[in-house]
Amino acid sequence: MTDAKKDYDFHKESHTERMVINMGPSHPATHGTVKFLVTLDGETIEDIDVEIGYLHRAFEKECENQQWSGVFPYTDRLDYTASVLNNIGYALAVEKLIGLKTPERCDYIRTIIGEMARMSGHYTNLGAGALELGALSAFIYFVEARELVWDLLESVCGARLTHNYVRIGGLISELPDGFGLGVAKAFKKNRELWSDFDKLLTKNRIFLDRMRDVGGISAEKAIEWGFTGPCLRACGVPFDVRKAEPYLIYDQLDFEIPLGSTGDNFDRYLVRMEEINQSMRIVEQCLEKMPEGPINVDDPNWRQPSKDESSKKIESLIFHFKAVIEGQKVPAGEVYQPIEGANGEVGFYVVSNGGGKPYKCRCRPPSFALTSAMPQLVTGSMLADLIPTFDMINLIGGECDR
């Protein structure tokens, strides 16, 4: 090679420039809540800047202007694909601040509904991720599976997406008659649909080429960025809040924590696939071991009396009136309560000044840390690799937006 060829700079001599493009927020894959400012060298990503904040949910300020029991509908709208898990996290935080212990049956039912919500979140993520790579049939299989889970959740609380099912000190209602039989029937079909989805994608040559060795990150870097949930476990780190800091009845259940090794998009896919099976396993154990008993604490200071009871007992009417007008007076203090959400550690930091409303209610959303690491995950990759990577970190605008 001559010296002239060695010194030849293609970009300089051909007068090419880097291209800077806006991807989102009005882009089908960015869900209207995120914008990527991408610097491209041809189709290779040289740099990327992630901009969130297009949803303007203002969760924390909404909570500060609502009574303690009125926050639950707002928590539903954080990760709205797995809304009951947010209900549970907030309720546990407030109960921890009060020093309140819920009945055992309540803990079992919360665990059942929470794991169904996790399944809903994973079905949504994996199905939509497959769709955005062109796998429409796979998407339809998991939408059907998710609908079966939503049928069960609707039978419990009357809602399919934003459930508003949990209350401070308990639950809004008991499980319906025949719920166990409904679960057995739905799970049988779900396992068939899981198998169909698995056969379509897991060894599919096109799917493997789009997912394997794409968006990878080391375990050390993932921990530095604050990864939790399936994205951290895909790196081989066995951290799961249900095991590390057990809550509800998880320390009494037998389930496994699926792990990956490379931390790439394919390992994230595999981890979520197996977590669906583990969630079904947890639900079936809970139904088998379910104790009898109440589902709410027997203390009208914290569990608002029913309308029927309030119409018959003057004491119940007084408690009902004070709870509605003044709000429940949670003791002054502050706590942090983590749970294992569908995307990772969902933590609620709540502060009380002794009044009927939260002084502060801060949510630790797992997808905020995951989205922050997007430059680490996609720099040097092709532009087309941005979509599956963004899909597999599973950003949910409702929980991520500040």
Protein backbone atom coordinates (compact mmCIF):
# COMPACT_ATOMS: atom_id res chain seq x y z
CA MET A 1 0.00 0.00 0.00
CA THR A 2 1.40 3.43 -0.95
CA ASP A 3 1.75 6.27 1.52
CA ALA A 4 -0.94 8.20 -0.37
CA LYS A 5 -3.47 5.39 0.19
CA LYS A 6 -2.48 5.08 3.84
CA ASP A 7 -3.16 8.79 4.42
CA TYR A 8 -6.50 8.76 2.59
CA ASP A 9 -9.38 9.88 4.82
CA PHE A 10 -12.66 8.74 3.25
CA HIS A 11 -14.89 11.16 5.17
CA LYS A 12 -12.63 14.12 4.56
CA GLU A 13 -11.93 13.46 0.90
CA SER A 14 -15.51 12.54 0.00
CA HIS A 15 -16.87 15.55 1.92
CA THR A 16 -19.30 13.39 3.91
CA GLU A 17 -20.76 14.54 7.21
CA ARG A 18 -22.37 12.77 10.11
CA MET A 19 -26.15 12.72 9.96
CA VAL A 20 -28.10 13.77 13.05
CA ILE A 21 -31.70 12.57 13.08
CA ASN A 22 -34.62 12.84 15.48
CA MET A 23 -36.25 9.49 16.13
CA GLY A 24 -39.48 10.08 18.03
CA PRO A 25 -41.45 11.07 19.96
CA SER A 26 -43.95 10.68 17.10
CA HIS A 27 -42.48 7.36 16.03
CA PRO A 28 -44.35 4.03 16.33
CA ALA A 29 -41.54 2.43 18.35
CA THR A 30 -41.01 5.27 20.83
CA HIS A 31 -44.63 5.32 22.03
CA GLY A 32 -44.93 9.11 22.01
CA THR A 33 -42.96 9.47 25.24
CA VAL A 34 -39.28 9.33 24.20
CA LYS A 35 -37.09 11.02 21.60
CA PHE A 36 -33.70 9.74 20.44
CA LEU A 37 -31.27 12.24 18.96
CA VAL A 38 -29.10 9.89 16.89
CA THR A 39 -25.77 10.73 15.26
CA LEU A 40 -25.16 8.36 12.34
CA ASP A 41 -22.16 7.41 10.24
CA GLY A 42 -24.06 5.82 7.39
CA GLU A 43 -26.27 3.39 9.31
CA THR A 44 -23.92 3.02 12.27
CA ILE A 45 -24.86 4.79 15.51
CA GLU A 46 -21.96 6.97 16.65
CA ASP A 47 -23.81 8.73 19.44
CA ILE A 48 -27.30 8.88 20.87
CA ASP A 49 -29.00 11.25 23.29
CA VAL A 50 -32.17 10.03 25.01
CA GLU A 51 -34.84 12.57 25.86
CA ILE A 52 -37.77 11.52 28.06
CA GLY A 53 -40.50 13.71 29.46
CA TYR A 54 -43.10 13.93 26.72
CA LEU A 55 -45.86 12.41 28.85
CA HIS A 56 -45.84 14.91 31.75
CA ARG A 57 -47.53 12.55 34.20
CA ALA A 58 -46.45 14.46 37.36
CA PHE A 59 -47.05 11.39 39.54
CA GLU A 60 -45.37 12.76 42.65
CA LYS A 61 -47.27 16.07 42.66
CA GLU A 62 -50.58 14.30 42.05
CA CYS A 63 -49.96 12.12 45.11
CA GLU A 64 -49.15 15.13 47.31
CA ASN A 65 -52.61 16.52 46.55
CA GLN A 66 -54.50 13.28 47.19
CA GLN A 67 -55.40 11.38 50.35
CA TRP A 68 -53.38 8.25 51.14
CA SER A 69 -56.09 5.88 49.95
CA GLY A 70 -56.66 7.94 46.79
CA VAL A 71 -53.16 7.37 45.39
CA PHE A 72 -53.90 3.85 44.08
CA PRO A 73 -55.42 4.95 40.74
CA TYR A 74 -52.22 6.94 40.08
CA THR A 75 -50.01 3.94 40.82
CA ASP A 76 -52.06 1.94 38.28
CA ARG A 77 -50.82 4.31 35.62
CA LEU A 78 -47.09 3.88 36.26
CA ASP A 79 -46.34 0.54 34.58
CA TYR A 80 -49.85 0.15 33.23
CA THR A 81 -49.05 -3.25 31.65
CA ALA A 82 -48.61 -4.68 35.17
CA SER A 83 -50.58 -2.22 37.27
CA VAL A 84 -51.40 -4.39 40.32
CA LEU A 85 -47.68 -4.67 41.13
CA ASN A 86 -47.57 -0.89 41.57
CA ASN A 87 -50.65 -1.08 43.83
CA ILE A 88 -48.89 -3.68 45.98
CA GLY A 89 -45.64 -1.70 46.23
CA TYR A 90 -47.38 1.47 47.36
CA ALA A 91 -49.63 -0.37 49.84
CA LEU A 92 -46.64 -2.18 51.39
CA ALA A 93 -44.78 1.13 51.76
CA VAL A 94 -47.68 2.82 53.58
CA GLU A 95 -48.33 -0.26 55.74
CA LYS A 96 -44.64 -0.34 56.65
CA LEU A 97 -44.86 3.30 57.75
CA ILE A 98 -47.98 2.56 59.84
CA GLY A 99 -46.60 -0.72 61.21
CA LEU A 100 -49.58 -2.63 59.83
CA LYS A 101 -49.58 -6.39 59.20
CA THR A 102 -52.12 -7.65 56.68
CA PRO A 103 -53.90 -11.04 57.08
CA GLU A 104 -52.21 -14.10 55.60
CA ARG A 105 -54.96 -14.70 53.04
CA CYS A 106 -54.55 -11.12 51.82
CA ASP A 107 -50.81 -11.73 51.26
CA TYR A 108 -51.56 -14.88 49.25
CA ILE A 109 -54.09 -13.09 47.04
CA ARG A 110 -51.75 -10.14 46.52
CA THR A 111 -49.04 -12.57 45.43
CA ILE A 112 -51.38 -14.32 42.98
CA ILE A 113 -52.62 -11.11 41.39
CA GLY A 114 -49.11 -9.61 41.34
CA GLU A 115 -47.68 -12.59 39.46
CA MET A 116 -50.51 -12.44 36.94
CA ALA A 117 -49.66 -8.77 36.42
CA ARG A 118 -46.01 -9.78 35.85
CA MET A 119 -47.18 -12.25 33.20
CA SER A 120 -49.23 -9.49 31.57
CA GLY A 121 -46.17 -7.22 31.47
CA HIS A 122 -43.96 -9.90 29.93
CA TYR A 123 -46.58 -10.93 27.38
CA THR A 124 -46.95 -7.31 26.31
CA ASN A 125 -43.20 -6.74 26.09
CA LEU A 126 -42.32 -9.93 24.22
CA GLY A 127 -45.32 -9.78 21.89
CA ALA A 128 -44.79 -6.12 20.96
CA GLY A 129 -41.03 -6.69 20.59
CA ALA A 130 -41.69 -9.52 18.15
CA LEU A 131 -44.21 -7.39 16.24
CA GLU A 132 -41.73 -4.53 15.79
CA LEU A 133 -39.34 -7.03 14.17
CA GLY A 134 -42.10 -8.15 11.79
CA ALA A 135 -43.32 -11.27 13.64
CA LEU A 136 -47.06 -10.56 13.57
CA SER A 137 -48.12 -14.17 14.21
CA ALA A 138 -46.01 -14.35 17.40
CA PHE A 139 -47.57 -11.09 18.58
CA ILE A 140 -51.09 -12.48 18.12
CA TYR A 141 -50.23 -15.62 20.15
CA PHE A 142 -49.07 -13.58 23.16
CA VAL A 143 -51.91 -11.08 22.90
CA GLU A 144 -54.29 -14.05 23.21
CA ALA A 145 -52.32 -15.31 26.23
CA ARG A 146 -52.45 -11.86 27.81
CA GLU A 147 -56.20 -11.62 27.22
CA LEU A 148 -56.70 -14.87 29.14
CA VAL A 149 -54.79 -13.38 32.09
CA TRP A 150 -56.80 -10.18 31.82
CA ASP A 151 -60.01 -12.22 31.91
CA LEU A 152 -58.91 -13.59 35.28
CA LEU A 153 -57.96 -10.15 36.61
CA GLU A 154 -61.25 -8.71 35.40
CA SER A 155 -63.14 -11.44 37.25
CA VAL A 156 -61.43 -10.33 40.47
CA CYS A 157 -61.79 -6.55 40.31
CA GLY A 158 -63.92 -5.66 37.28
CA ALA A 159 -61.13 -3.96 35.30
CA ARG A 160 -58.78 -5.29 32.63
CA LEU A 161 -55.87 -2.82 32.66
CA THR A 162 -55.83 -0.33 35.54
CA HIS A 163 -57.10 -2.51 38.36
CA ASN A 164 -57.19 -0.33 41.50
CA TYR A 165 -57.59 -3.59 43.45
CA VAL A 166 -55.32 -3.18 46.49
CA ARG A 167 -56.11 -1.06 49.55
CA ILE A 168 -54.17 0.03 52.62
CA GLY A 169 -54.64 -2.89 54.99
CA GLY A 170 -56.10 -5.29 52.46
CA LEU A 171 -57.99 -5.69 49.20
CA ILE A 172 -61.16 -4.35 47.68
CA SER A 173 -62.81 -7.78 47.31
CA GLU A 174 -62.41 -11.54 47.65
CA LEU A 175 -61.51 -13.88 44.82
CA PRO A 176 -64.64 -14.90 42.90
CA ASP A 177 -66.15 -18.38 43.11
CA GLY A 178 -64.46 -20.82 40.74
CA PHE A 179 -61.34 -18.68 40.42
CA GLY A 180 -59.03 -21.68 40.87
CA LEU A 181 -60.75 -23.62 38.09
CA GLY A 182 -60.55 -20.56 35.85
CA VAL A 183 -56.81 -20.28 36.51
CA ALA A 184 -56.26 -23.98 35.70
CA LYS A 185 -58.13 -23.65 32.39
CA ALA A 186 -56.40 -20.39 31.40
CA PHE A 187 -52.91 -21.63 32.32
CA LYS A 188 -53.36 -24.79 30.27
CA LYS A 189 -54.07 -22.64 27.20
CA ASN A 190 -51.33 -20.18 28.14
CA ARG A 191 -48.73 -22.95 28.18
CA GLU A 192 -49.84 -24.03 24.71
CA LEU A 193 -49.54 -20.45 23.43
CA TRP A 194 -46.15 -20.11 25.14
CA SER A 195 -44.97 -23.22 23.29
CA ASP A 196 -46.25 -21.87 19.95
CA PHE A 197 -44.49 -18.54 20.53
CA ASP A 198 -41.29 -20.35 21.53
CA LYS A 199 -41.33 -22.52 18.39
CA LEU A 200 -41.88 -19.49 16.18
CA LEU A 201 -39.04 -17.36 17.54
CA THR A 202 -36.45 -18.98 19.81
CA LYS A 203 -34.63 -20.86 17.02
CA ASN A 204 -35.77 -18.62 14.17
CA ARG A 205 -32.73 -17.63 12.09
CA ILE A 206 -33.95 -14.10 11.39
CA PHE A 207 -34.95 -13.50 15.02
CA LEU A 208 -31.59 -14.80 16.27
CA ASP A 209 -29.66 -12.56 13.86
CA ARG A 210 -31.62 -9.50 15.02
CA MET A 211 -31.35 -10.27 18.76
CA ARG A 212 -28.18 -12.22 19.55
CA ASP A 213 -25.06 -10.15 20.37
CA VAL A 214 -27.10 -6.95 20.06
CA GLY A 215 -27.52 -4.43 22.89
CA GLY A 216 -25.22 -6.39 25.19
CA ILE A 217 -23.76 -5.08 28.45
CA SER A 218 -21.46 -6.61 31.07
CA ALA A 219 -22.65 -7.43 34.57
CA GLU A 220 -20.31 -4.79 36.04
CA LYS A 221 -21.60 -2.05 33.74
CA ALA A 222 -25.22 -3.08 34.31
CA ILE A 223 -24.76 -2.72 38.07
CA GLU A 224 -23.08 0.68 37.59
CA TRP A 225 -26.04 1.91 35.57
CA GLY A 226 -28.54 0.70 38.18
CA PHE A 227 -30.04 -2.16 36.19
CA THR A 228 -32.53 -4.41 37.96
CA GLY A 229 -35.04 -7.03 36.89
CA PRO A 230 -34.82 -9.17 33.74
CA CYS A 231 -32.22 -6.88 32.13
CA LEU A 232 -29.83 -7.36 35.09
CA ARG A 233 -30.52 -11.09 35.37
CA ALA A 234 -29.80 -11.43 31.63
CA CYS A 235 -26.22 -10.39 32.53
CA GLY A 236 -25.96 -13.32 34.96
CA VAL A 237 -26.56 -11.33 38.18
CA PRO A 238 -29.00 -13.32 40.37
CA PHE A 239 -30.69 -10.31 41.99
CA ASP A 240 -34.45 -10.49 42.49
CA VAL A 241 -36.18 -8.47 45.22
CA ARG A 242 -38.49 -11.43 45.89
CA LYS A 243 -35.44 -13.44 46.99
CA ALA A 244 -33.11 -10.69 48.26
CA GLU A 245 -35.68 -8.86 50.41
CA PRO A 246 -38.71 -11.20 50.60
CA TYR A 247 -42.12 -9.59 51.05
CA LEU A 248 -45.66 -11.01 51.13
CA ILE A 249 -45.15 -14.82 51.13
CA TYR A 250 -42.30 -15.23 48.63
CA ASP A 251 -40.02 -16.75 51.27
CA GLN A 252 -42.53 -19.64 51.55
CA LEU A 253 -42.64 -20.43 47.83
CA ASP A 254 -40.49 -22.57 45.58
CA PHE A 255 -39.47 -20.79 42.37
CA GLU A 256 -36.33 -20.20 40.35
CA ILE A 257 -34.61 -17.04 39.12
CA PRO A 258 -33.82 -17.39 35.38
CA LEU A 259 -30.37 -16.07 34.42
CA GLY A 260 -28.62 -15.21 31.18
CA SER A 261 -24.91 -14.85 30.52
CA THR A 262 -24.26 -12.27 27.80
CA GLY A 263 -26.67 -9.47 28.75
CA ASP A 264 -27.77 -9.09 25.13
CA ASN A 265 -31.30 -8.74 23.76
CA PHE A 266 -31.66 -12.48 23.20
CA ASP A 267 -30.84 -13.26 26.84
CA ARG A 268 -33.38 -10.65 27.95
CA TYR A 269 -35.94 -12.40 25.78
CA LEU A 270 -35.07 -15.82 27.24
CA VAL A 271 -35.17 -14.57 30.85
CA ARG A 272 -38.65 -13.09 30.39
CA MET A 273 -39.89 -16.22 28.66
CA GLU A 274 -38.87 -18.39 31.59
CA GLU A 275 -40.20 -15.88 34.14
CA ILE A 276 -43.66 -16.38 32.66
CA ASN A 277 -43.41 -20.08 33.52
CA GLN A 278 -42.14 -19.30 37.02
CA SER A 279 -45.05 -16.89 37.61
CA MET A 280 -47.54 -19.59 36.70
CA ARG A 281 -45.72 -21.93 39.07
CA ILE A 282 -46.00 -19.37 41.89
CA VAL A 283 -49.73 -18.79 41.29
CA GLU A 284 -50.46 -22.52 41.34
CA GLN A 285 -48.56 -22.95 44.63
CA CYS A 286 -50.50 -20.07 46.20
CA LEU A 287 -53.85 -21.51 45.16
CA GLU A 288 -52.85 -24.89 46.58
CA LYS A 289 -51.73 -23.46 49.94
CA MET A 290 -54.32 -20.69 50.26
CA PRO A 291 -55.50 -20.32 53.87
CA GLU A 292 -58.98 -19.28 54.95
CA GLY A 293 -59.57 -16.04 56.80
CA PRO A 294 -60.15 -12.32 56.29
CA ILE A 295 -58.62 -10.29 53.49
CA ASN A 296 -58.58 -6.97 55.38
CA VAL A 297 -57.24 -5.77 58.72
CA ASP A 298 -59.91 -5.46 61.40
CA ASP A 299 -59.24 -1.80 62.14
CA PRO A 300 -61.58 0.86 60.73
CA ASN A 301 -58.83 3.50 61.14
CA TRP A 302 -57.05 1.93 58.18
CA ARG A 303 -59.60 -0.20 56.35
CA GLN A 304 -62.58 1.93 55.42
CA PRO A 305 -65.85 0.26 56.57
CA SER A 306 -68.19 -1.01 53.86
CA LYS A 307 -71.24 1.01 52.86
CA ASP A 308 -73.49 -1.69 54.28
CA GLU A 309 -71.72 -1.56 57.64
CA SER A 310 -71.68 2.25 57.65
CA SER A 311 -75.43 2.35 57.18
CA LYS A 312 -76.04 0.10 60.22
CA LYS A 313 -73.42 1.12 62.82
CA ILE A 314 -72.84 4.67 64.04
CA GLU A 315 -69.19 3.91 64.86
CA SER A 316 -68.58 2.70 61.31
CA LEU A 317 -70.33 5.76 59.91
CA ILE A 318 -68.04 8.03 61.95
CA PHE A 319 -64.89 6.24 60.77
CA HIS A 320 -66.15 6.36 57.20
CA PHE A 321 -66.90 10.08 57.44
CA LYS A 322 -63.53 10.97 58.96
CA ALA A 323 -61.62 8.84 56.43
CA VAL A 324 -63.38 10.50 53.49
CA ILE A 325 -63.24 14.09 54.80
CA GLU A 326 -59.89 14.16 56.60
CA GLY A 327 -58.03 11.20 55.15
CA GLN A 328 -56.31 8.47 57.14
CA LYS A 329 -53.75 9.95 59.53
CA VAL A 330 -50.56 8.02 58.77
CA PRO A 331 -47.91 8.46 61.51
CA ALA A 332 -45.12 10.93 60.72
CA GLY A 333 -41.99 9.35 59.27
CA GLU A 334 -40.41 8.08 56.07
CA VAL A 335 -39.86 4.63 54.53
CA TYR A 336 -38.63 3.02 51.34
CA GLN A 337 -40.24 -0.21 50.17
CA PRO A 338 -38.98 -2.13 47.11
CA ILE A 339 -40.79 -4.90 45.25
CA GLU A 340 -39.94 -6.87 42.12
CA GLY A 341 -41.91 -5.29 39.30
CA ALA A 342 -42.18 -6.62 35.75
CA ASN A 343 -39.21 -4.47 34.68
CA GLY A 344 -37.18 -4.67 37.89
CA GLU A 345 -37.09 -3.00 41.30
CA VAL A 346 -40.10 -0.74 41.81
CA GLY A 347 -39.52 1.24 44.98
CA PHE A 348 -41.81 3.65 46.82
CA TYR A 349 -40.30 6.29 49.09
CA VAL A 350 -43.13 7.81 51.12
CA VAL A 351 -42.97 10.59 53.69
CA SER A 352 -45.73 11.50 56.15
CA ASN A 353 -46.04 14.58 58.34
CA GLY A 354 -48.91 13.00 60.23
CA GLY A 355 -51.62 14.38 57.95
CA GLY A 356 -54.21 12.80 55.71
CA LYS A 357 -52.13 13.20 52.53
CA PRO A 358 -48.61 12.07 51.59
CA TYR A 359 -46.04 14.80 52.19
CA LYS A 360 -43.96 13.09 49.52
CA CYS A 361 -44.47 9.97 47.41
CA ARG A 362 -41.54 9.14 45.15
CA CYS A 363 -41.47 6.14 42.84
CA ARG A 364 -38.20 4.46 41.85
CA PRO A 365 -38.99 3.29 38.27
CA PRO A 366 -36.75 0.52 36.92
CA SER A 367 -36.99 1.65 33.30
CA PHE A 368 -35.48 5.07 34.10
CA ALA A 369 -32.07 3.48 34.78
CA LEU A 370 -32.44 1.14 31.80
CA THR A 371 -33.28 3.99 29.42
CA SER A 372 -30.38 6.07 30.73
CA ALA A 373 -28.01 3.32 29.56
CA MET A 374 -29.23 3.32 25.94
CA PRO A 375 -26.04 5.09 24.68
CA GLN A 376 -23.99 2.31 26.33
CA LEU A 377 -26.15 -0.37 24.68
CA VAL A 378 -26.41 0.85 21.07
CA THR A 379 -23.37 3.02 20.29
CA GLY A 380 -21.49 1.25 17.49
CA SER A 381 -24.53 -0.77 16.45
CA MET A 382 -26.66 -0.33 13.35
CA LEU A 383 -29.65 1.99 13.35
CA ALA A 384 -31.95 -1.03 12.92
CA ASP A 385 -30.58 -2.46 16.20
CA LEU A 386 -32.03 0.48 18.14
CA ILE A 387 -35.59 -0.90 17.90
CA PRO A 388 -35.05 -4.40 19.39
CA THR A 389 -32.79 -2.95 22.09
CA PHE A 390 -35.36 -0.34 23.07
CA ASP A 391 -38.03 -3.06 23.05
CA MET A 392 -36.06 -5.40 25.31
CA ILE A 393 -35.34 -2.79 28.00
CA ASN A 394 -39.13 -2.34 27.95
CA LEU A 395 -39.45 1.34 28.71
CA ILE A 396 -42.91 2.20 30.04
CA GLY A 397 -43.51 5.92 29.66
CA GLY A 398 -45.90 6.10 32.62
CA GLU A 399 -43.31 4.97 35.16
CA CYS A 400 -40.22 6.51 33.54
CA ASP A 401 -41.50 10.04 32.94
CA ARG A 402 -40.58 12.55 35.62
